[in-house]
């Protein structure tokens, strides 16, 4: 494609997660080039510092307004911060199963990841110890850890668990977050549980929100809260009978001027 007309979808994965999360997207239009960085390879203590630098470097040849920044799960925080920092460059913000700022509502009691987020808020040393243990378990018995993390999920997610590609993606997530970059993973989670809601008022591009009505990792109330808090025009697309990862597997990325479905 001509660099001047090329469009990019810049994908920010979830936590735990890796760039392989992007493999679960249903389809990416041939006219869109997908870039999926590893959010945990940052060398600085601020997880967003290196990510913003990578975004600028990866998209420098793309015309203003031709970039769709996509955030999945906790990756919604990273995507939102990129959109707020680069308003001229970003033409669309797509948030899939987004984990909204905890300051926007009383979401935590309904979140499957509540124990992890509680530790991130009050006992970060214990979170680091838990991450170490999860790294050991994921190395010797990844199947066991998958079953533990998805023990309370519904039919849509249970169907994914039997999918070979999904199993590979989750194994990459464990290895990336719990074994290769545990410190960066903990920093990212701790950054998420802080109050980052102020960036939402600085996002001016159109926003697409995609959320499963039965999501237990990030309840759909989070997308309703985001729709109210975001400065730009935000459309909420709720998907019946889907949950967290199963919503990601239902989204296709189209060029910015066309409907993403």
Protein backbone atom coordinates (compact mmCIF):
# COMPACT_ATOMS: atom_id res chain seq x y z
CA UNK A 1 0.00 0.00 0.00
CA UNK A 2 0.98 3.62 -0.53
CA UNK A 3 2.24 4.98 2.79
CA UNK A 4 0.29 8.20 2.22
CA UNK A 5 -3.08 6.41 1.99
CA UNK A 6 -2.38 3.44 4.22
CA UNK A 7 -4.50 3.15 7.37
CA UNK A 8 -3.31 1.61 10.60
CA UNK A 9 -5.04 -0.13 13.47
CA UNK A 10 -2.74 0.15 16.49
CA UNK A 11 -3.75 -2.58 18.93
CA UNK A 12 -3.21 -2.43 22.69
CA UNK A 13 -3.58 -5.85 24.35
CA UNK A 14 -5.05 -6.78 27.73
CA UNK A 15 -3.46 -7.78 31.05
CA UNK A 16 -2.38 -10.50 31.40
CA UNK A 17 -1.76 -10.40 27.69
CA UNK A 18 0.62 -10.04 24.78
CA UNK A 19 0.63 -8.83 21.22
CA UNK A 20 -0.84 -12.22 20.30
CA UNK A 21 -4.22 -11.06 21.67
CA UNK A 22 -4.69 -9.44 18.25
CA UNK A 23 -5.00 -12.91 16.71
CA UNK A 24 -8.46 -13.17 18.29
CA UNK A 25 -9.88 -10.25 16.29
CA UNK A 26 -12.45 -11.70 13.91
CA UNK A 27 -11.11 -10.03 10.73
CA UNK A 28 -8.97 -7.07 9.72
CA UNK A 29 -9.88 -5.42 6.42
CA UNK A 30 -7.19 -5.75 3.72
CA UNK A 31 -6.99 -1.97 3.51
CA UNK A 32 -5.97 -1.74 7.18
CA UNK A 33 -2.49 -2.54 8.45
CA UNK A 34 -2.52 -3.95 11.96
CA UNK A 35 0.26 -3.06 14.39
CA UNK A 36 0.23 -4.92 17.70
CA UNK A 37 3.10 -3.93 20.04
CA UNK A 38 4.04 -5.74 23.21
CA UNK A 39 3.04 -3.28 25.94
CA UNK A 40 5.33 -4.90 28.51
CA UNK A 41 8.72 -4.40 26.88
CA UNK A 42 9.03 -0.82 28.11
CA UNK A 43 12.39 -0.05 29.71
CA UNK A 44 11.21 2.94 31.75
CA UNK A 45 9.25 2.82 35.01
CA UNK A 46 6.35 4.65 33.35
CA UNK A 47 4.63 2.04 31.11
CA UNK A 48 3.11 4.75 28.91
CA UNK A 49 6.33 6.66 28.20
CA UNK A 50 7.83 4.04 25.89
CA UNK A 51 4.46 3.12 24.41
CA UNK A 52 3.81 6.69 23.25
CA UNK A 53 7.32 6.78 21.75
CA UNK A 54 6.65 3.47 19.96
CA UNK A 55 3.33 4.77 18.67
CA UNK A 56 5.00 7.88 17.23
CA UNK A 57 7.77 5.80 15.63
CA UNK A 58 5.44 3.14 14.20
CA UNK A 59 2.98 5.61 12.69
CA UNK A 60 5.20 8.53 11.63
CA UNK A 61 4.57 7.94 7.90
CA UNK A 62 0.79 7.74 8.26
CA UNK A 63 -1.32 10.80 7.49
CA UNK A 64 -3.12 12.56 10.33
CA UNK A 65 -6.52 11.05 11.08
CA UNK A 66 -5.72 7.72 9.46
CA UNK A 67 -5.00 5.77 12.64
CA UNK A 68 -7.50 3.68 14.56
CA UNK A 69 -6.20 3.03 18.06
CA UNK A 70 -7.72 -0.17 19.42
CA UNK A 71 -7.73 -1.13 23.10
CA UNK A 72 -8.81 -4.48 24.49
CA UNK A 73 -9.65 -4.92 28.18
CA UNK A 74 -7.08 -3.02 30.30
CA UNK A 75 -5.45 -2.08 27.01
CA UNK A 76 -8.29 0.46 26.79
CA UNK A 77 -6.30 2.61 29.22
CA UNK A 78 -3.26 2.62 26.94
CA UNK A 79 -5.38 3.25 23.83
CA UNK A 80 -7.22 6.11 25.52
CA UNK A 81 -3.99 7.77 26.62
CA UNK A 82 -2.59 7.52 23.09
CA UNK A 83 -5.74 9.07 21.62
CA UNK A 84 -5.64 11.88 24.17
CA UNK A 85 -1.94 12.57 23.53
CA UNK A 86 -2.23 12.51 19.70
CA UNK A 87 -5.60 14.07 18.80
CA UNK A 88 -4.59 15.05 15.25
CA UNK A 89 -3.14 11.64 14.42
CA UNK A 90 -5.91 9.41 15.74
CA UNK A 91 -9.05 9.24 13.60
CA UNK A 92 -10.90 6.64 15.63
CA UNK A 93 -10.67 5.00 19.04
CA UNK A 94 -12.03 1.46 19.28
CA UNK A 95 -12.42 0.00 22.76
CA UNK A 96 -13.28 -3.70 23.03
CA UNK A 97 -14.42 -5.17 26.37
CA UNK A 98 -12.88 -2.04 27.91
CA UNK A 99 -11.87 -1.88 31.55
CA UNK A 100 -12.90 1.65 32.51
CA UNK A 101 -11.28 3.71 35.25
CA UNK A 102 -12.41 2.35 38.60
CA UNK A 103 -13.16 5.91 39.69
CA UNK A 104 -16.14 6.06 37.30
CA UNK A 105 -18.29 3.67 39.31
CA UNK A 106 -18.57 0.86 41.85
CA UNK A 107 -17.39 -1.79 39.38
CA UNK A 108 -14.89 -3.72 41.44
CA UNK A 109 -17.33 -6.04 43.28
CA UNK A 110 -18.61 -7.30 39.91
CA UNK A 111 -15.20 -7.89 38.32
CA UNK A 112 -13.70 -11.38 38.07
CA UNK A 113 -10.26 -9.83 38.57
CA UNK A 114 -11.23 -8.13 41.84
CA UNK A 115 -8.65 -10.03 43.98
CA UNK A 116 -5.80 -8.92 41.69
CA UNK A 117 -6.96 -5.31 41.59
CA UNK A 118 -7.43 -5.24 45.37
CA UNK A 119 -3.82 -6.36 45.76
CA UNK A 120 -2.65 -3.75 43.24
CA UNK A 121 -4.35 -1.06 45.32
CA UNK A 122 -3.44 -2.13 48.84
CA UNK A 123 -0.72 -4.82 48.76
CA UNK A 124 1.56 -4.47 45.70
CA UNK A 125 4.26 -6.70 47.23
CA UNK A 126 1.74 -9.52 47.54
CA UNK A 127 0.71 -8.93 43.92
CA UNK A 128 4.34 -9.33 42.87
CA UNK A 129 4.53 -12.59 44.84
CA UNK A 130 1.29 -13.84 43.27
CA UNK A 131 2.60 -12.99 39.80
CA UNK A 132 5.75 -15.00 40.52
CA UNK A 133 3.66 -18.02 41.55
CA UNK A 134 1.46 -17.64 38.46
CA UNK A 135 4.63 -17.63 36.37
CA UNK A 136 5.75 -20.94 37.87
CA UNK A 137 2.32 -22.54 37.39
CA UNK A 138 1.99 -21.26 33.82
CA UNK A 139 5.37 -22.78 32.96
CA UNK A 140 4.56 -26.29 34.19
CA UNK A 141 0.75 -26.46 33.99
CA UNK A 142 -0.70 -23.74 31.74
CA UNK A 143 -3.86 -25.75 31.16
CA UNK A 144 -4.54 -25.79 34.90
CA UNK A 145 -4.11 -22.02 35.15
CA UNK A 146 -6.44 -21.45 32.19
CA UNK A 147 -9.13 -23.56 33.87
CA UNK A 148 -8.67 -21.68 37.14
CA UNK A 149 -8.93 -18.24 35.56
CA UNK A 150 -11.98 -19.18 33.48
CA UNK A 151 -13.68 -21.37 36.08
CA UNK A 152 -16.68 -19.03 36.44
CA UNK A 153 -17.05 -17.98 32.82
CA UNK A 154 -20.14 -18.66 30.73
CA UNK A 155 -20.82 -20.72 27.59
CA UNK A 156 -19.29 -18.25 25.10
CA UNK A 157 -15.95 -18.20 26.90
CA UNK A 158 -15.98 -21.94 27.63
CA UNK A 159 -16.37 -22.56 23.90
CA UNK A 160 -13.26 -20.46 23.24
CA UNK A 161 -11.23 -22.44 25.77
CA UNK A 162 -11.49 -25.50 23.52
CA UNK A 163 -10.14 -23.50 20.56
CA UNK A 164 -6.47 -24.20 19.75
CA UNK A 165 -5.72 -20.62 18.69
CA UNK A 166 -7.25 -19.26 21.89
CA UNK A 167 -5.17 -21.65 23.99
CA UNK A 168 -2.01 -20.50 22.21
CA UNK A 169 -2.94 -16.84 22.73
CA UNK A 170 -3.54 -17.34 26.46
CA UNK A 171 -0.26 -19.25 26.84
CA UNK A 172 1.54 -16.31 25.21
CA UNK A 173 -0.30 -14.00 27.62
CA UNK A 174 0.89 -15.98 30.64
CA UNK A 175 4.48 -16.20 29.42
CA UNK A 176 4.66 -12.51 28.53
CA UNK A 177 3.04 -11.19 31.71
CA UNK A 178 3.98 -13.68 34.43
CA UNK A 179 7.40 -14.95 33.31
CA UNK A 180 9.16 -12.64 30.86
CA UNK A 181 7.97 -9.23 32.10
CA UNK A 182 6.38 -9.65 35.57
CA UNK A 183 7.61 -6.29 36.88
CA UNK A 184 6.20 -4.42 33.88
CA UNK A 185 2.93 -6.34 34.21
CA UNK A 186 2.57 -5.32 37.87
CA UNK A 187 3.40 -1.69 37.00
CA UNK A 188 0.76 -1.70 34.29
CA UNK A 189 -1.93 -3.15 36.56
CA UNK A 190 -1.05 -0.66 39.30
CA UNK A 191 -1.28 2.15 36.74
CA UNK A 192 -4.73 0.89 35.75
CA UNK A 193 -6.14 0.92 39.30
CA UNK A 194 -5.02 4.54 39.73
CA UNK A 195 -7.35 7.31 38.62
CA UNK A 196 -6.71 7.94 34.92
CA UNK A 197 -10.21 9.23 34.13
CA UNK A 198 -8.95 12.75 33.34
CA UNK A 199 -7.63 11.61 29.94
CA UNK A 200 -11.18 10.83 28.75
CA UNK A 201 -12.07 14.51 28.46
CA UNK A 202 -9.13 15.03 26.08
CA UNK A 203 -10.25 12.49 23.47
CA UNK A 204 -11.94 14.24 20.56
CA UNK A 205 -12.14 11.55 17.85
CA UNK A 206 -15.17 9.26 17.33
CA UNK A 207 -15.18 6.27 19.68
CA UNK A 208 -16.60 2.79 19.13
CA UNK A 209 -17.29 0.76 22.26
CA UNK A 210 -17.81 -3.00 21.90
CA UNK A 211 -19.00 -4.89 24.94
CA UNK A 212 -20.44 -8.31 25.68
CA UNK A 213 -23.62 -8.16 27.70
CA UNK A 214 -22.44 -11.08 29.86
CA UNK A 215 -18.86 -9.92 30.44
CA UNK A 216 -17.70 -10.70 33.99
CA UNK A 217 -14.11 -9.47 33.62
CA UNK A 218 -15.14 -5.92 32.75
CA UNK A 219 -18.91 -5.56 33.25
CA UNK A 220 -20.84 -3.72 30.55
CA UNK A 221 -21.60 -0.96 33.05
CA UNK A 222 -18.03 0.15 32.37
CA UNK A 223 -18.84 0.95 28.74
CA UNK A 224 -21.96 2.84 29.80
CA UNK A 225 -19.81 4.91 32.15
CA UNK A 226 -17.21 5.50 29.44
CA UNK A 227 -19.89 6.63 27.00
CA UNK A 228 -20.91 9.30 29.51
CA UNK A 229 -17.37 10.39 30.39
CA UNK A 230 -15.74 10.49 26.94
CA UNK A 231 -15.56 13.90 25.29
CA UNK A 232 -15.78 12.60 21.73
CA UNK A 233 -18.90 11.03 20.18
CA UNK A 234 -19.10 7.47 21.53
CA UNK A 235 -21.26 4.66 20.15
CA UNK A 236 -21.86 1.61 22.32
CA UNK A 237 -22.29 -1.68 20.51
CA UNK A 238 -23.51 -4.30 22.98
CA UNK A 239 -23.26 -7.93 21.89
CA UNK A 240 -25.75 -10.38 23.39
CA UNK A 241 -24.48 -13.64 24.91
CA UNK A 242 -20.79 -12.74 24.67
CA UNK A 243 -18.30 -12.14 27.46
CA UNK A 244 -14.74 -10.80 27.49
CA UNK A 245 -12.54 -12.58 24.94
CA UNK A 246 -15.58 -13.80 23.02
CA UNK A 247 -16.47 -10.16 22.30
CA UNK A 248 -12.99 -9.58 20.86
CA UNK A 249 -13.56 -12.57 18.57
CA UNK A 250 -16.74 -10.92 17.22
CA UNK A 251 -15.18 -7.59 16.18
CA UNK A 252 -13.85 -6.85 12.68
CA UNK A 253 -11.71 -3.80 11.92
CA UNK A 254 -12.69 -1.76 8.86
CA UNK A 255 -11.21 1.49 7.47
CA UNK A 256 -11.96 4.55 9.60
CA UNK A 257 -14.61 5.93 7.25
CA UNK A 258 -16.58 2.70 7.32
CA UNK A 259 -18.57 0.91 9.99
CA UNK A 260 -16.52 -1.42 12.16
CA UNK A 261 -18.51 -4.59 12.78
